[in-house]
Amino acid sequence: QQVTYRQLDRHANRVAHRLLAAGVQREDRVAIHAERSIGMLAAMLGCLKAGAAYVPIDPADPVERRTWLLADSAAVALLLPDAQVDAGWAQDAGVPCIDVDPAALCALPAEPPALPGQSSRMLAYVIYTSGSTGQPKGVMVEHRSVLRLVINNPYNPIGPDDCIAQCANPAFDASTWEVWSALLNGARLQVLPQSLVLDREAFCRALIDGGVNALWLTAGLFNE
C-alpha cells in the first residue's frame, strides 16, 4: 500500500475532526492501539492536529499492561486504526473506542481544524518504559523536542530524496526518529511489519528493494 503526503494529511485531518467532535481537549492524552501501519501514522498525526497527545500501545502487550497504561495516562479515548483490532479490554476499562479507518471517517472534513493558541511547548506524546525495574514510567515529550531531534540536525540530514525504514514498535522511542525525521523532512517512510524485521534475509531484501538509505538499528542487528 502506498499513500501520498496529501492522502495521509486528509486522513489525519478527518481523525482530528473526529476527536474534536468527541470532546477531546488541548493536551488530552489519546491512546493508539495498533501495529505499525499507514493507519497508525494517520492516527498519530490526527491526535496532534486536534491539539492532543498520543499514547502508543502495543497490541502484543498483555491486557493487564494495556489497561494500566490507559489508566495511568488518563487517556480520554482509544483510536483503532485497524478494524481487526479487538478493543473489548478498553471498553471494559471505560475508555471510549474510536474507529479511524478511512471508511468510518469519510463524511468528515478533509481540511485541518482551526485551533488557536498552538505552541511548540505543548505535549506531543507519552511513551512508557518497559517497567522492568518497577512500574512503567510515562515519558512526556513536547513538540519542540521532536523538532530539535529531526530538523536541521547535524548528524544525519534527511531530505525528499531519502527513504527511511520504520522498524521499531510505535511504543518504543526509536520510532520517534524514524517517523518524524521522514515526515517532517519530506522523505519517504517505508513501514515494515515486525514479522519481517525478525526475518534477517527478508528484512535485508525489503531494505534493498525499498531503496532505504537511512534507518535506526541496534549495533547487533546492524552487524547481522
C-alpha atoms as a PDB file:
ATOM      1  CA  GLN A   1       0.000   0.000   0.000  1.00  0.00           C
ATOM      2  CA  GLN A   2       1.270   3.462  -0.875  1.00  0.00           C
ATOM      3  CA  VAL A   3      -0.109   6.872   0.076  1.00  0.00           C
ATOM      4  CA  THR A   4       0.968  10.392  -0.786  1.00  0.00           C
ATOM      5  CA  TYR A   5       1.509  13.129   1.763  1.00  0.00           C
ATOM      6  CA  ARG A   6      -1.783  14.664   0.623  1.00  0.00           C
ATOM      7  CA  GLN A   7      -3.702  11.430   1.213  1.00  0.00           C
ATOM      8  CA  LEU A   8      -2.133  10.942   4.626  1.00  0.00           C
ATOM      9  CA  ASP A   9      -2.837  14.559   5.545  1.00  0.00           C
ATOM     10  CA  ARG A  10      -6.515  14.348   4.571  1.00  0.00           C
ATOM     11  CA  HIS A  11      -6.951  11.133   6.581  1.00  0.00           C
ATOM     12  CA  ALA A  12      -5.260  12.733   9.602  1.00  0.00           C
ATOM     13  CA  ASN A  13      -7.465  15.828   9.326  1.00  0.00           C
ATOM     14  CA  ARG A  14     -10.554  13.642   9.489  1.00  0.00           C
ATOM     15  CA  VAL A  15      -9.145  11.876  12.549  1.00  0.00           C
ATOM     16  CA  ALA A  16      -8.639  15.282  14.174  1.00  0.00           C
ATOM     17  CA  HIS A  17     -12.211  16.370  13.439  1.00  0.00           C
ATOM     18  CA  ARG A  18     -13.495  13.085  14.871  1.00  0.00           C
ATOM     19  CA  LEU A  19     -11.530  13.624  18.076  1.00  0.00           C
ATOM     20  CA  LEU A  20     -12.729  17.202  18.467  1.00  0.00           C
ATOM     21  CA  ALA A  21     -16.316  16.072  17.908  1.00  0.00           C
ATOM     22  CA  ALA A  22     -15.804  13.547  20.712  1.00  0.00           C
ATOM     23  CA  GLY A  23     -14.828  16.370  23.061  1.00  0.00           C
ATOM     24  CA  VAL A  24     -11.047  15.916  23.096  1.00  0.00           C
ATOM     25  CA  GLN A  25      -9.371  18.987  24.592  1.00  0.00           C
ATOM     26  CA  ARG A  26      -5.927  20.584  24.320  1.00  0.00           C
ATOM     27  CA  GLU A  27      -3.174  18.236  25.566  1.00  0.00           C
ATOM     28  CA  ASP A  28      -5.592  15.422  26.393  1.00  0.00           C
ATOM     29  CA  ARG A  29      -3.964  12.040  26.039  1.00  0.00           C
ATOM     30  CA  VAL A  30      -5.353   9.793  23.299  1.00  0.00           C
ATOM     31  CA  ALA A  31      -4.191   6.193  23.137  1.00  0.00           C
ATOM     32  CA  ILE A  32      -3.481   4.464  19.807  1.00  0.00           C
ATOM     33  CA  HIS A  33      -3.774   0.677  19.731  1.00  0.00           C
ATOM     34  CA  ALA A  34      -2.225  -0.581  16.513  1.00  0.00           C
ATOM     35  CA  GLU A  35       0.611  -2.331  14.793  1.00  0.00           C
ATOM     36  CA  ARG A  36       2.776  -0.026  12.701  1.00  0.00           C
ATOM     37  CA  SER A  37       0.824   0.841   9.591  1.00  0.00           C
ATOM     38  CA  ILE A  38      -0.297   3.776   7.486  1.00  0.00           C
ATOM     39  CA  GLY A  39      -3.441   3.946   9.611  1.00  0.00           C
ATOM     40  CA  MET A  40      -1.299   4.281  12.714  1.00  0.00           C
ATOM     41  CA  LEU A  41       0.563   7.224  11.156  1.00  0.00           C
ATOM     42  CA  ALA A  42      -2.732   8.952  10.340  1.00  0.00           C
ATOM     43  CA  ALA A  43      -3.895   8.404  13.923  1.00  0.00           C
ATOM     44  CA  MET A  44      -0.694   9.930  15.341  1.00  0.00           C
ATOM     45  CA  LEU A  45      -0.970  12.959  13.057  1.00  0.00           C
ATOM     46  CA  GLY A  46      -4.666  13.307  13.791  1.00  0.00           C
ATOM     47  CA  CYS A  47      -4.025  13.485  17.521  1.00  0.00           C
ATOM     48  CA  LEU A  48      -1.508  16.291  17.040  1.00  0.00           C
ATOM     49  CA  LYS A  49      -3.801  18.176  14.656  1.00  0.00           C
ATOM     50  CA  ALA A  50      -6.515  18.050  17.328  1.00  0.00           C
ATOM     51  CA  GLY A  51      -4.109  19.536  19.878  1.00  0.00           C
ATOM     52  CA  ALA A  52      -3.938  16.252  21.792  1.00  0.00           C
ATOM     53  CA  ALA A  53      -1.001  14.000  22.669  1.00  0.00           C
ATOM     54  CA  TYR A  54      -0.830  10.395  21.527  1.00  0.00           C
ATOM     55  CA  VAL A  55      -0.019   7.381  23.686  1.00  0.00           C
ATOM     56  CA  PRO A  56       1.048   4.390  21.561  1.00  0.00           C
ATOM     57  CA  ILE A  57       0.011   0.998  22.944  1.00  0.00           C
ATOM     58  CA  ASP A  58       1.470  -2.233  21.594  1.00  0.00           C
ATOM     59  CA  PRO A  59      -1.291  -4.793  20.814  1.00  0.00           C
ATOM     60  CA  ALA A  60       1.220  -7.525  21.709  1.00  0.00           C
ATOM     61  CA  ASP A  61       1.387  -6.336  25.315  1.00  0.00           C
ATOM     62  CA  PRO A  62      -0.549  -8.268  27.971  1.00  0.00           C
ATOM     63  CA  VAL A  63      -4.044  -6.944  28.617  1.00  0.00           C
ATOM     64  CA  GLU A  64      -3.018  -6.010  32.162  1.00  0.00           C
ATOM     65  CA  ARG A  65      -0.290  -3.663  30.879  1.00  0.00           C
ATOM     66  CA  ARG A  66      -2.528  -2.114  28.225  1.00  0.00           C
ATOM     67  CA  THR A  67      -5.264  -1.469  30.773  1.00  0.00           C
ATOM     68  CA  TRP A  68      -2.751   0.026  33.212  1.00  0.00           C
ATOM     69  CA  LEU A  69      -1.347   2.355  30.525  1.00  0.00           C
ATOM     70  CA  LEU A  70      -4.811   3.660  29.716  1.00  0.00           C
ATOM     71  CA  ALA A  71      -5.462   4.435  33.364  1.00  0.00           C
ATOM     72  CA  ASP A  72      -2.041   5.908  34.170  1.00  0.00           C
ATOM     73  CA  SER A  73      -2.020   8.192  31.119  1.00  0.00           C
ATOM     74  CA  ALA A  74      -5.632   9.255  31.812  1.00  0.00           C
ATOM     75  CA  ALA A  75      -6.449   8.555  28.162  1.00  0.00           C
ATOM     76  CA  VAL A  76      -9.759  10.086  27.113  1.00  0.00           C
ATOM     77  CA  ALA A  77     -10.128   7.892  24.033  1.00  0.00           C
ATOM     78  CA  LEU A  78      -8.582   4.930  22.235  1.00  0.00           C
ATOM     79  CA  LEU A  79      -8.046   5.096  18.479  1.00  0.00           C
ATOM     80  CA  LEU A  80      -8.329   1.928  16.423  1.00  0.00           C
ATOM     81  CA  PRO A  81      -6.601   2.404  13.048  1.00  0.00           C
ATOM     82  CA  ASP A  82      -7.064  -1.256  12.100  1.00  0.00           C
ATOM     83  CA  ALA A  83     -10.556  -2.700  12.015  1.00  0.00           C
ATOM     84  CA  GLN A  84      -9.398  -6.146  13.095  1.00  0.00           C
ATOM     85  CA  VAL A  85      -8.058  -4.929  16.437  1.00  0.00           C
ATOM     86  CA  ASP A  86     -10.137  -6.211  19.365  1.00  0.00           C
ATOM     87  CA  ALA A  87     -10.649  -3.468  21.946  1.00  0.00           C
ATOM     88  CA  GLY A  88     -13.070  -5.149  24.316  1.00  0.00           C
ATOM     89  CA  TRP A  89     -10.455  -4.775  27.044  1.00  0.00           C
ATOM     90  CA  ALA A  90     -10.507  -0.987  26.594  1.00  0.00           C
ATOM     91  CA  GLN A  91     -14.281  -0.824  26.743  1.00  0.00           C
ATOM     92  CA  ASP A  92     -14.122  -2.786  29.989  1.00  0.00           C
ATOM     93  CA  ALA A  93     -11.715  -0.115  31.276  1.00  0.00           C
ATOM     94  CA  GLY A  94     -14.272   2.582  30.467  1.00  0.00           C
ATOM     95  CA  VAL A  95     -12.320   4.289  27.664  1.00  0.00           C
ATOM     96  CA  PRO A  96     -14.305   5.212  24.507  1.00  0.00           C
ATOM     97  CA  CYS A  97     -13.061   3.439  21.376  1.00  0.00           C
ATOM     98  CA  ILE A  98     -12.989   5.305  18.061  1.00  0.00           C
ATOM     99  CA  ASP A  99     -12.678   3.616  14.681  1.00  0.00           C
ATOM    100  CA  VAL A 100     -10.412   5.757  12.499  1.00  0.00           C
ATOM    101  CA  ASP A 101     -10.369   3.660   9.350  1.00  0.00           C
ATOM    102  CA  PRO A 102     -10.926   5.924   6.298  1.00  0.00           C
ATOM    103  CA  ALA A 103     -14.329   4.372   5.588  1.00  0.00           C
ATOM    104  CA  ALA A 104     -15.551   5.354   9.063  1.00  0.00           C
ATOM    105  CA  LEU A 105     -14.462   8.980   8.622  1.00  0.00           C
ATOM    106  CA  CYS A 106     -15.380   9.734   5.008  1.00  0.00           C
ATOM    107  CA  ALA A 107     -18.184  12.174   5.950  1.00  0.00           C
ATOM    108  CA  LEU A 108     -15.857  14.410   7.971  1.00  0.00           C
ATOM    109  CA  PRO A 109     -13.980  17.467   6.602  1.00  0.00           C
ATOM    110  CA  ALA A 110     -10.643  16.766   4.950  1.00  0.00           C
ATOM    111  CA  GLU A 111      -9.265  20.205   5.795  1.00  0.00           C
ATOM    112  CA  PRO A 112      -7.343  20.790   9.036  1.00  0.00           C
ATOM    113  CA  PRO A 113      -9.291  22.100  12.035  1.00  0.00           C
ATOM    114  CA  ALA A 114      -8.572  25.670  13.112  1.00  0.00           C
ATOM    115  CA  LEU A 115      -7.069  25.558  16.590  1.00  0.00           C
ATOM    116  CA  PRO A 116      -5.855  28.849  18.102  1.00  0.00           C
ATOM    117  CA  GLY A 117      -3.001  29.008  20.565  1.00  0.00           C
ATOM    118  CA  GLN A 118      -0.939  26.050  19.369  1.00  0.00           C
ATOM    119  CA  SER A 119       2.585  26.023  20.792  1.00  0.00           C
ATOM    120  CA  SER A 120       5.792  24.023  20.470  1.00  0.00           C
ATOM    121  CA  ARG A 121       5.677  23.704  24.267  1.00  0.00           C
ATOM    122  CA  MET A 122       2.544  21.571  24.049  1.00  0.00           C
ATOM    123  CA  LEU A 123       2.660  17.870  24.824  1.00  0.00           C
ATOM    124  CA  ALA A 124       3.140  15.736  21.693  1.00  0.00           C
ATOM    125  CA  TYR A 125       3.206  12.196  23.028  1.00  0.00           C
ATOM    126  CA  VAL A 126       3.723   9.948  26.051  1.00  0.00           C
ATOM    127  CA  ILE A 127       5.774   6.753  25.693  1.00  0.00           C
ATOM    128  CA  TYR A 128       6.140   4.305  28.569  1.00  0.00           C
ATOM    129  CA  THR A 129       9.256   2.494  29.737  1.00  0.00           C
ATOM    130  CA  SER A 130       9.285  -1.289  29.906  1.00  0.00           C
ATOM    131  CA  GLY A 131       8.688  -1.374  33.641  1.00  0.00           C
ATOM    132  CA  SER A 132      11.406  -3.998  34.102  1.00  0.00           C
ATOM    133  CA  THR A 133      12.594  -2.230  37.271  1.00  0.00           C
ATOM    134  CA  GLY A 134       9.166  -1.440  38.696  1.00  0.00           C
ATOM    135  CA  GLN A 135       6.055   0.292  37.414  1.00  0.00           C
ATOM    136  CA  PRO A 136       6.314   1.607  33.829  1.00  0.00           C
ATOM    137  CA  LYS A 137       7.045   5.323  33.686  1.00  0.00           C
ATOM    138  CA  GLY A 138       5.406   7.620  31.164  1.00  0.00           C
ATOM    139  CA  VAL A 139       7.870   9.946  29.433  1.00  0.00           C
ATOM    140  CA  MET A 140       6.153  13.170  28.336  1.00  0.00           C
ATOM    141  CA  VAL A 141       7.649  14.780  25.227  1.00  0.00           C
ATOM    142  CA  GLU A 142       6.829  18.224  23.830  1.00  0.00           C
ATOM    143  CA  HIS A 143       6.630  19.157  20.149  1.00  0.00           C
ATOM    144  CA  ARG A 144       9.816  21.221  20.353  1.00  0.00           C
ATOM    145  CA  SER A 145      11.833  18.189  21.476  1.00  0.00           C
ATOM    146  CA  VAL A 146      10.837  16.251  18.359  1.00  0.00           C
ATOM    147  CA  LEU A 147      11.714  19.227  16.166  1.00  0.00           C
ATOM    148  CA  ARG A 148      15.121  19.533  17.802  1.00  0.00           C
ATOM    149  CA  LEU A 149      15.756  15.839  17.090  1.00  0.00           C
ATOM    150  CA  VAL A 150      14.929  15.802  13.383  1.00  0.00           C
ATOM    151  CA  ILE A 151      15.018  19.339  11.931  1.00  0.00           C
ATOM    152  CA  ASN A 152      18.414  20.648  10.782  1.00  0.00           C
ATOM    153  CA  ASN A 153      20.191  18.028  12.862  1.00  0.00           C
ATOM    154  CA  PRO A 154      23.989  17.879  12.413  1.00  0.00           C
ATOM    155  CA  TYR A 155      24.355  14.098  12.407  1.00  0.00           C
ATOM    156  CA  ASN A 156      22.048  12.845   9.659  1.00  0.00           C
ATOM    157  CA  PRO A 157      20.387  15.381   7.342  1.00  0.00           C
ATOM    158  CA  ILE A 158      17.229  13.974   5.747  1.00  0.00           C
ATOM    159  CA  GLY A 159      15.543  15.309   2.606  1.00  0.00           C
ATOM    160  CA  PRO A 160      12.971  14.458  -0.073  1.00  0.00           C
ATOM    161  CA  ASP A 161      15.332  12.056  -1.852  1.00  0.00           C
ATOM    162  CA  ASP A 162      15.731   9.843   1.223  1.00  0.00           C
ATOM    163  CA  CYS A 163      13.818   6.759   2.305  1.00  0.00           C
ATOM    164  CA  ILE A 164      13.660   5.812   5.987  1.00  0.00           C
ATOM    165  CA  ALA A 165      12.544   2.438   7.299  1.00  0.00           C
ATOM    166  CA  GLN A 166      10.247   2.260  10.293  1.00  0.00           C
ATOM    167  CA  CYS A 167      11.480  -0.860  12.068  1.00  0.00           C
ATOM    168  CA  ALA A 168      10.642  -0.002  15.679  1.00  0.00           C
ATOM    169  CA  ASN A 169       7.462  -0.632  17.583  1.00  0.00           C
ATOM    170  CA  PRO A 170       5.446   2.631  17.834  1.00  0.00           C
ATOM    171  CA  ALA A 171       5.558   2.243  21.620  1.00  0.00           C
ATOM    172  CA  PHE A 172       9.383   2.333  21.533  1.00  0.00           C
ATOM    173  CA  ASP A 173      11.115   5.712  21.412  1.00  0.00           C
ATOM    174  CA  ALA A 174      13.275   4.822  18.382  1.00  0.00           C
ATOM    175  CA  SER A 175      10.111   5.150  16.299  1.00  0.00           C
ATOM    176  CA  THR A 176      10.130   8.901  17.029  1.00  0.00           C
ATOM    177  CA  TRP A 177      13.206   9.436  14.874  1.00  0.00           C
ATOM    178  CA  GLU A 178      12.013   7.016  12.202  1.00  0.00           C
ATOM    179  CA  VAL A 179       8.572   8.554  11.703  1.00  0.00           C
ATOM    180  CA  TRP A 180       9.198  12.251  12.207  1.00  0.00           C
ATOM    181  CA  SER A 181      12.587  12.549  10.513  1.00  0.00           C
ATOM    182  CA  ALA A 182      10.827  11.258   7.399  1.00  0.00           C
ATOM    183  CA  LEU A 183       7.514  13.125   7.564  1.00  0.00           C
ATOM    184  CA  LEU A 184       8.954  16.460   8.731  1.00  0.00           C
ATOM    185  CA  ASN A 185      11.618  16.497   6.008  1.00  0.00           C
ATOM    186  CA  GLY A 186       9.580  15.333   3.013  1.00  0.00           C
ATOM    187  CA  ALA A 187      11.235  11.911   2.820  1.00  0.00           C
ATOM    188  CA  ARG A 188       9.587   8.567   2.088  1.00  0.00           C
ATOM    189  CA  LEU A 189       8.797   6.280   5.033  1.00  0.00           C
ATOM    190  CA  GLN A 190       8.776   2.532   4.471  1.00  0.00           C
ATOM    191  CA  VAL A 191       6.718   0.881   7.210  1.00  0.00           C
ATOM    192  CA  LEU A 192       7.958  -2.649   7.911  1.00  0.00           C
ATOM    193  CA  PRO A 193       5.945  -5.183   9.957  1.00  0.00           C
ATOM    194  CA  GLN A 194       7.523  -6.845  12.957  1.00  0.00           C
ATOM    195  CA  SER A 195       7.444 -10.296  11.374  1.00  0.00           C
ATOM    196  CA  LEU A 196       9.613  -9.042   8.502  1.00  0.00           C
ATOM    197  CA  VAL A 197      12.106  -7.267  10.776  1.00  0.00           C
ATOM    198  CA  LEU A 198      12.630 -10.512  12.682  1.00  0.00           C
ATOM    199  CA  ASP A 199      13.496 -12.413   9.474  1.00  0.00           C
ATOM    200  CA  ARG A 200      17.076 -11.381   8.706  1.00  0.00           C
ATOM    201  CA  GLU A 201      17.089 -12.260   4.992  1.00  0.00           C
ATOM    202  CA  ALA A 202      13.597 -10.873   4.312  1.00  0.00           C
ATOM    203  CA  PHE A 203      14.466  -7.717   6.229  1.00  0.00           C
ATOM    204  CA  CYS A 204      17.598  -7.213   4.149  1.00  0.00           C
ATOM    205  CA  ARG A 205      15.684  -7.723   0.889  1.00  0.00           C
ATOM    206  CA  ALA A 206      12.985  -5.261   1.938  1.00  0.00           C
ATOM    207  CA  LEU A 207      15.560  -2.567   2.701  1.00  0.00           C
ATOM    208  CA  ILE A 208      17.247  -3.036  -0.680  1.00  0.00           C
ATOM    209  CA  ASP A 209      14.042  -3.358  -2.709  1.00  0.00           C
ATOM    210  CA  GLY A 210      12.541  -0.315  -0.985  1.00  0.00           C
ATOM    211  CA  GLY A 211      15.588   1.850  -1.592  1.00  0.00           C
ATOM    212  CA  VAL A 212      16.025   2.526   2.118  1.00  0.00           C
ATOM    213  CA  ASN A 213      19.100   4.660   2.794  1.00  0.00           C
ATOM    214  CA  ALA A 214      18.561   5.615   6.452  1.00  0.00           C
ATOM    215  CA  LEU A 215      17.416   3.599   9.434  1.00  0.00           C
ATOM    216  CA  TRP A 216      17.834   3.268  13.180  1.00  0.00           C
ATOM    217  CA  LEU A 217      19.151  -0.102  14.378  1.00  0.00           C
ATOM    218  CA  THR A 218      20.959  -1.537  17.338  1.00  0.00           C
ATOM    219  CA  ALA A 219      24.597  -2.343  16.585  1.00  0.00           C
ATOM    220  CA  GLY A 220      23.963  -6.073  16.934  1.00  0.00           C
ATOM    221  CA  LEU A 221      21.174  -6.151  14.372  1.00  0.00           C
ATOM    222  CA  PHE A 222      23.059  -3.869  12.009  1.00  0.00           C
ATOM    223  CA  ASN A 223      26.076  -6.192  12.065  1.00  0.00           C
ATOM    224  CA  GLU A 224      23.859  -9.197  11.340  1.00  0.00           C
END
